[in-house]
Amino acid sequence: LTDGVSRHLGARWNKSGTQIVFLNNSRNAVDMDLYTMDVFGDRSPRRVAEFKGAGWSVSDWAESKNQLLMVQYISINKSSIHL
């Protein structure tokens, strides 16, 4: 499933079970990128966003299919929530 070098994190299915989103650090081994993939169609992951640093996770996928709830873990005392 992976290349054995990069990390894949935070996989979440959409509500209808047709798409998946996940985070990956294969671009530069430091920053995380968000990918989406249609599991019944092309099946090629498509990068949709780039995030600086680690600590990002996907918490939930909105019913409307066009928004994600993301969390950026900064420290034990601080995290940021993003829509």
C-alpha atoms as a PDB file:
ATOM      1  CA  LEU A   1       0.000   0.000   0.000  1.00  0.00           C
ATOM      2  CA  THR A   2       2.903   2.393   0.590  1.00  0.00           C
ATOM      3  CA  ASP A   3       6.429   2.855  -0.717  1.00  0.00           C
ATOM      4  CA  GLY A   4       7.980   2.034   2.679  1.00  0.00           C
ATOM      5  CA  VAL A   5       9.506   5.514   3.007  1.00  0.00           C
ATOM      6  CA  SER A   6       6.721   8.098   3.140  1.00  0.00           C
ATOM      7  CA  ARG A   7       3.941   8.271   5.726  1.00  0.00           C
ATOM      8  CA  HIS A   8       0.213   8.016   4.989  1.00  0.00           C
ATOM      9  CA  LEU A   9      -2.069   9.388   7.718  1.00  0.00           C
ATOM     10  CA  GLY A  10      -5.631  10.334   8.556  1.00  0.00           C
ATOM     11  CA  ALA A  11      -7.557   8.360   5.957  1.00  0.00           C
ATOM     12  CA  ARG A  12     -11.267   9.190   5.992  1.00  0.00           C
ATOM     13  CA  TRP A  13     -14.075   7.971   3.739  1.00  0.00           C
ATOM     14  CA  ASN A  14     -16.781  10.324   2.525  1.00  0.00           C
ATOM     15  CA  LYS A  15     -20.321   9.612   3.745  1.00  0.00           C
ATOM     16  CA  SER A  16     -21.318   7.749   0.554  1.00  0.00           C
ATOM     17  CA  GLY A  17     -18.179   5.566   0.583  1.00  0.00           C
ATOM     18  CA  THR A  18     -17.030   6.609  -2.892  1.00  0.00           C
ATOM     19  CA  GLN A  19     -14.007   8.765  -2.041  1.00  0.00           C
ATOM     20  CA  ILE A  20     -11.192   8.740   0.474  1.00  0.00           C
ATOM     21  CA  VAL A  21      -8.893  11.516   1.678  1.00  0.00           C
ATOM     22  CA  PHE A  22      -5.521  11.018   3.333  1.00  0.00           C
ATOM     23  CA  LEU A  23      -2.328  12.859   4.221  1.00  0.00           C
ATOM     24  CA  ASN A  24       1.078  11.969   2.815  1.00  0.00           C
ATOM     25  CA  ASN A  25       4.615  13.346   3.181  1.00  0.00           C
ATOM     26  CA  SER A  26       6.165  11.937  -0.022  1.00  0.00           C
ATOM     27  CA  ARG A  27       6.770  15.383  -1.581  1.00  0.00           C
ATOM     28  CA  ASN A  28       9.645  16.300   0.744  1.00  0.00           C
ATOM     29  CA  ALA A  29       9.453  13.961   3.795  1.00  0.00           C
ATOM     30  CA  VAL A  30       8.623  16.928   6.078  1.00  0.00           C
ATOM     31  CA  ASP A  31       5.429  18.656   4.954  1.00  0.00           C
ATOM     32  CA  MET A  32       2.057  16.946   4.677  1.00  0.00           C
ATOM     33  CA  ASP A  33      -0.090  17.011   1.549  1.00  0.00           C
ATOM     34  CA  LEU A  34      -3.792  16.205   1.368  1.00  0.00           C
ATOM     35  CA  TYR A  35      -4.884  13.750  -1.321  1.00  0.00           C
ATOM     36  CA  THR A  36      -8.298  12.603  -2.458  1.00  0.00           C
ATOM     37  CA  MET A  37      -9.074   9.490  -4.436  1.00  0.00           C
ATOM     38  CA  ASP A  38     -12.215   8.191  -6.143  1.00  0.00           C
ATOM     39  CA  VAL A  39     -12.264   4.504  -5.210  1.00  0.00           C
ATOM     40  CA  PHE A  40     -14.557   3.498  -8.083  1.00  0.00           C
ATOM     41  CA  GLY A  41     -13.164   5.725 -10.810  1.00  0.00           C
ATOM     42  CA  ASP A  42      -9.612   6.685 -11.728  1.00  0.00           C
ATOM     43  CA  ARG A  43      -8.100   5.463  -8.419  1.00  0.00           C
ATOM     44  CA  SER A  44      -5.132   7.794  -8.876  1.00  0.00           C
ATOM     45  CA  PRO A  45      -4.645   9.973  -5.780  1.00  0.00           C
ATOM     46  CA  ARG A  46      -4.952  13.696  -6.537  1.00  0.00           C
ATOM     47  CA  ARG A  47      -3.160  16.259  -4.344  1.00  0.00           C
ATOM     48  CA  VAL A  48      -5.634  18.955  -3.298  1.00  0.00           C
ATOM     49  CA  ALA A  49      -3.713  20.863  -0.589  1.00  0.00           C
ATOM     50  CA  GLU A  50      -0.228  21.318   0.850  1.00  0.00           C
ATOM     51  CA  PHE A  51       0.434  21.927   4.552  1.00  0.00           C
ATOM     52  CA  LYS A  52       3.638  23.110   6.201  1.00  0.00           C
ATOM     53  CA  GLY A  53       5.068  20.687   8.737  1.00  0.00           C
ATOM     54  CA  ALA A  54       3.592  17.668  10.446  1.00  0.00           C
ATOM     55  CA  GLY A  55       0.813  17.424  13.011  1.00  0.00           C
ATOM     56  CA  TRP A  56      -2.105  17.604  10.561  1.00  0.00           C
ATOM     57  CA  SER A  57      -5.025  15.181  10.638  1.00  0.00           C
ATOM     58  CA  VAL A  58      -8.416  14.801   8.969  1.00  0.00           C
ATOM     59  CA  SER A  59     -11.187  14.660  11.562  1.00  0.00           C
ATOM     60  CA  ASP A  60     -14.323  14.445   9.431  1.00  0.00           C
ATOM     61  CA  TRP A  61     -15.750  14.895   5.947  1.00  0.00           C
ATOM     62  CA  ALA A  62     -18.855  17.105   5.585  1.00  0.00           C
ATOM     63  CA  GLU A  63     -22.079  15.701   4.158  1.00  0.00           C
ATOM     64  CA  SER A  64     -21.784  18.217   1.308  1.00  0.00           C
ATOM     65  CA  LYS A  65     -18.582  16.419   0.175  1.00  0.00           C
ATOM     66  CA  ASN A  66     -16.690  19.672  -0.355  1.00  0.00           C
ATOM     67  CA  GLN A  67     -15.443  20.458   3.156  1.00  0.00           C
ATOM     68  CA  LEU A  68     -13.163  18.712   5.622  1.00  0.00           C
ATOM     69  CA  LEU A  69     -12.633  19.275   9.313  1.00  0.00           C
ATOM     70  CA  MET A  70      -8.856  19.351   9.849  1.00  0.00           C
ATOM     71  CA  VAL A  71      -6.849  19.541  13.069  1.00  0.00           C
ATOM     72  CA  GLN A  72      -3.311  20.874  13.341  1.00  0.00           C
ATOM     73  CA  TYR A  73      -1.595  19.545  16.451  1.00  0.00           C
ATOM     74  CA  ILE A  74       0.967  22.170  17.483  1.00  0.00           C
ATOM     75  CA  SER A  75       1.901  21.115  21.016  1.00  0.00           C
ATOM     76  CA  ILE A  76       0.463  19.399  24.063  1.00  0.00           C
ATOM     77  CA  ASN A  77      -1.108  22.766  24.954  1.00  0.00           C
ATOM     78  CA  LYS A  78      -2.216  23.981  21.534  1.00  0.00           C
ATOM     79  CA  SER A  79      -4.105  22.672  18.515  1.00  0.00           C
ATOM     80  CA  SER A  80      -5.917  24.501  15.734  1.00  0.00           C
ATOM     81  CA  ILE A  81      -9.128  23.421  14.037  1.00  0.00           C
ATOM     82  CA  HIS A  82      -9.614  24.251  10.343  1.00  0.00           C
ATOM     83  CA  LEU A  83     -12.580  23.881   7.991  1.00  0.00           C
END
